N, C-alpha and C. Protein backbone atom coordinates (compact mmCIF):
# COMPACT_ATOMS: atom_id res chain seq x y z
N MET A 1 108.84 124.53 97.49
CA MET A 1 107.23 123.86 96.67
C MET A 1 107.78 122.57 97.38
N ASN A 2 106.11 122.19 97.68
CA ASN A 2 106.08 120.84 97.73
C ASN A 2 105.45 119.99 96.90
N LEU A 3 105.40 118.94 97.16
CA LEU A 3 104.78 117.95 95.38
C LEU A 3 103.85 118.03 95.28
N ARG A 4 102.59 118.25 96.12
CA ARG A 4 101.56 118.96 95.57
C ARG A 4 101.38 119.92 95.08
N GLU A 5 102.18 121.10 95.38
CA GLU A 5 102.01 122.54 94.62
C GLU A 5 102.83 121.89 93.28
N LEU A 6 104.06 121.18 93.25
CA LEU A 6 104.35 121.09 91.96
C LEU A 6 103.81 120.16 91.26
N ARG A 7 102.61 119.24 91.67
CA ARG A 7 102.06 118.70 90.44
C ARG A 7 101.10 119.25 90.29
N ARG A 8 100.85 120.35 91.05
CA ARG A 8 99.22 121.15 90.49
C ARG A 8 99.59 122.68 89.74
N SER A 9 101.17 122.94 89.74
CA SER A 9 101.53 124.14 88.95
C SER A 9 102.01 123.52 87.61
N GLN A 10 101.63 122.18 87.30
CA GLN A 10 102.23 121.76 86.37
C GLN A 10 100.42 120.93 85.52
N GLY A 11 99.33 121.88 86.11
CA GLY A 11 97.97 121.47 86.03
C GLY A 11 97.90 119.78 86.00
N LEU A 12 98.19 119.05 86.86
CA LEU A 12 98.00 117.39 86.88
C LEU A 12 97.46 117.22 88.13
N THR A 13 96.06 116.60 87.91
CA THR A 13 95.31 116.04 88.87
C THR A 13 96.31 114.63 89.47
N GLN A 14 95.44 114.05 90.55
CA GLN A 14 96.39 112.99 91.41
C GLN A 14 96.15 111.49 90.44
N ILE A 15 95.04 111.51 89.42
CA ILE A 15 94.57 110.67 88.58
C ILE A 15 95.28 111.01 87.31
N ALA A 16 95.52 112.16 86.85
CA ALA A 16 96.37 112.33 85.60
C ALA A 16 97.89 111.86 86.14
N LEU A 17 98.28 112.61 87.22
CA LEU A 17 99.81 111.86 87.50
C LEU A 17 100.00 110.45 87.60
N ARG A 18 98.83 109.88 88.00
CA ARG A 18 99.06 108.19 88.33
C ARG A 18 99.14 107.66 86.61
N LYS A 19 98.27 107.79 85.79
CA LYS A 19 98.01 107.87 84.46
C LYS A 19 99.50 107.57 84.17
N ASN A 20 100.07 109.00 84.58
CA ASN A 20 101.33 109.18 83.46
C ASN A 20 102.42 107.95 83.91
N LEU A 21 102.53 107.53 84.83
CA LEU A 21 103.57 106.41 85.28
C LEU A 21 103.43 104.92 84.64
N ASN A 22 104.89 104.72 84.48
CA ASN A 22 104.87 103.40 83.83
C ASN A 22 104.24 102.10 84.45
N SER A 23 103.78 101.94 85.99
CA SER A 23 103.44 101.23 85.91
C SER A 23 102.26 101.96 87.19
N PRO A 24 101.32 102.13 86.71
CA PRO A 24 100.26 102.95 87.62
C PRO A 24 99.90 102.21 88.99
N PRO A 25 100.20 102.75 90.23
CA PRO A 25 100.31 102.49 91.25
C PRO A 25 98.90 102.04 92.04
N HIS A 26 98.68 101.88 93.19
CA HIS A 26 97.69 101.82 93.70
C HIS A 26 96.99 103.41 94.00
N ARG A 27 95.65 103.84 93.72
CA ARG A 27 95.10 104.87 93.92
C ARG A 27 94.83 105.89 95.15
N ASN A 28 95.46 105.48 95.86
CA ASN A 28 96.26 106.09 97.02
C ASN A 28 97.70 106.33 97.51
N THR A 29 98.40 105.98 96.39
CA THR A 29 99.73 106.41 96.37
C THR A 29 100.09 107.61 96.31
N ILE A 30 99.41 108.38 95.18
CA ILE A 30 100.05 109.90 94.74
C ILE A 30 99.45 110.44 96.19
N SER A 31 99.04 110.16 96.70
CA SER A 31 97.98 111.53 98.03
C SER A 31 99.02 110.82 99.26
N ARG A 32 99.37 109.20 99.57
CA ARG A 32 100.61 109.17 100.65
C ARG A 32 101.69 110.00 100.43
N ALA A 33 101.99 109.74 98.84
CA ALA A 33 103.29 110.57 98.60
C ALA A 33 103.87 112.03 99.14
N GLU A 34 102.43 112.77 98.84
CA GLU A 34 101.97 113.96 99.12
C GLU A 34 102.29 114.07 100.46
N ALA A 35 101.61 113.49 101.60
CA ALA A 35 101.64 113.42 102.66
C ALA A 35 103.05 112.76 103.35
N GLY A 36 103.50 112.31 102.51
CA GLY A 36 105.41 112.19 103.00
C GLY A 36 105.48 110.66 103.56
N LYS A 37 104.19 110.16 103.52
CA LYS A 37 104.45 108.60 103.50
C LYS A 37 105.10 107.73 102.86
N ASN A 38 105.48 106.60 103.28
CA ASN A 38 105.99 105.73 102.47
C ASN A 38 105.69 105.29 101.08
N ILE A 39 106.49 105.38 100.27
CA ILE A 39 106.22 105.13 98.81
C ILE A 39 106.93 103.83 98.23
N SER A 40 106.89 103.16 97.32
CA SER A 40 108.17 102.12 96.67
C SER A 40 109.23 103.14 95.94
N ILE A 41 110.32 102.46 96.50
CA ILE A 41 111.31 103.54 95.35
C ILE A 41 110.76 103.67 94.29
N LEU A 42 110.32 102.47 93.35
CA LEU A 42 110.19 102.39 91.93
C LEU A 42 109.28 103.49 91.68
N THR A 43 108.34 103.25 92.65
CA THR A 43 106.79 104.56 92.29
C THR A 43 107.99 106.04 92.36
N ALA A 44 108.80 106.31 93.62
CA ALA A 44 109.61 107.74 93.58
C ALA A 44 109.93 107.92 92.30
N PHE A 45 110.82 107.11 91.55
CA PHE A 45 111.50 107.23 90.72
C PHE A 45 110.46 107.57 89.48
N GLU A 46 109.73 106.76 89.11
CA GLU A 46 108.56 107.41 88.43
C GLU A 46 108.08 108.26 88.71
N LEU A 47 107.74 108.88 89.88
CA LEU A 47 106.69 110.27 90.23
C LEU A 47 108.18 111.55 89.63
N ALA A 48 109.24 110.82 90.23
CA ALA A 48 110.47 111.91 89.63
C ALA A 48 110.77 112.76 87.89
N ASP A 49 110.50 111.07 87.62
CA ASP A 49 110.50 111.30 85.92
C ASP A 49 108.84 112.15 85.70
N ALA A 50 108.01 111.58 86.11
CA ALA A 50 106.61 112.42 85.19
C ALA A 50 106.47 113.48 86.23
N LEU A 51 107.16 114.24 86.83
CA LEU A 51 107.19 115.20 87.29
C LEU A 51 108.43 116.26 86.89
N ASP A 52 109.65 115.93 86.09
CA ASP A 52 110.54 116.15 85.23
C ASP A 52 111.32 116.96 86.48
N VAL A 53 111.80 116.12 87.68
CA VAL A 53 112.41 116.57 88.65
C VAL A 53 113.37 115.66 89.08
N GLU A 54 114.46 115.69 89.51
CA GLU A 54 115.41 114.69 90.25
C GLU A 54 115.01 113.77 91.43
N ILE A 55 115.33 112.99 91.39
CA ILE A 55 115.06 112.28 92.46
C ILE A 55 115.42 112.87 93.56
N LYS A 56 116.32 113.31 94.06
CA LYS A 56 116.67 113.89 95.36
C LYS A 56 116.09 115.24 95.15
N GLU A 57 115.40 115.65 94.16
CA GLU A 57 114.78 116.99 95.03
C GLU A 57 113.10 116.93 95.15
N LEU A 58 112.55 115.45 94.83
CA LEU A 58 111.21 114.71 95.26
C LEU A 58 111.43 114.28 96.55
N PHE A 59 112.93 113.95 96.80
CA PHE A 59 112.86 113.23 98.36
C PHE A 59 112.75 114.48 99.39
N GLU A 60 113.55 115.84 98.32
CA GLU A 60 113.65 117.50 99.72
C GLU A 60 112.18 117.55 99.82
N MET A 61 110.92 117.24 99.23
CA MET A 61 110.24 117.88 98.67
C MET A 61 109.14 117.30 100.32
N VAL A 62 109.04 116.10 100.57
CA VAL A 62 108.53 115.73 101.86
C VAL A 62 109.34 115.86 102.96
N GLU A 63 110.49 116.28 102.83
CA GLU A 63 110.87 116.07 104.46
C GLU A 63 110.42 117.04 105.21
C-alpha cells in the first residue's frame, strides 16, 4: 500500500489530512509526499501520527 492508498482507505482527502497535522504544511506538501518527493522530517512524523502508522512504515510507502 502506498501513502495515497492509505490516506484514501481512511476516508481522508489531502485537505482533511493536512488539517489533521499539528503545523499544517504548505498546500502542496501532501501531494509531494505521495509522489515520493522531499518533505520535512517534522511533517513526515506528523503524517505518520495522523495516519496511525510508524514512521518506518511511512518511509517504506514512498520508496
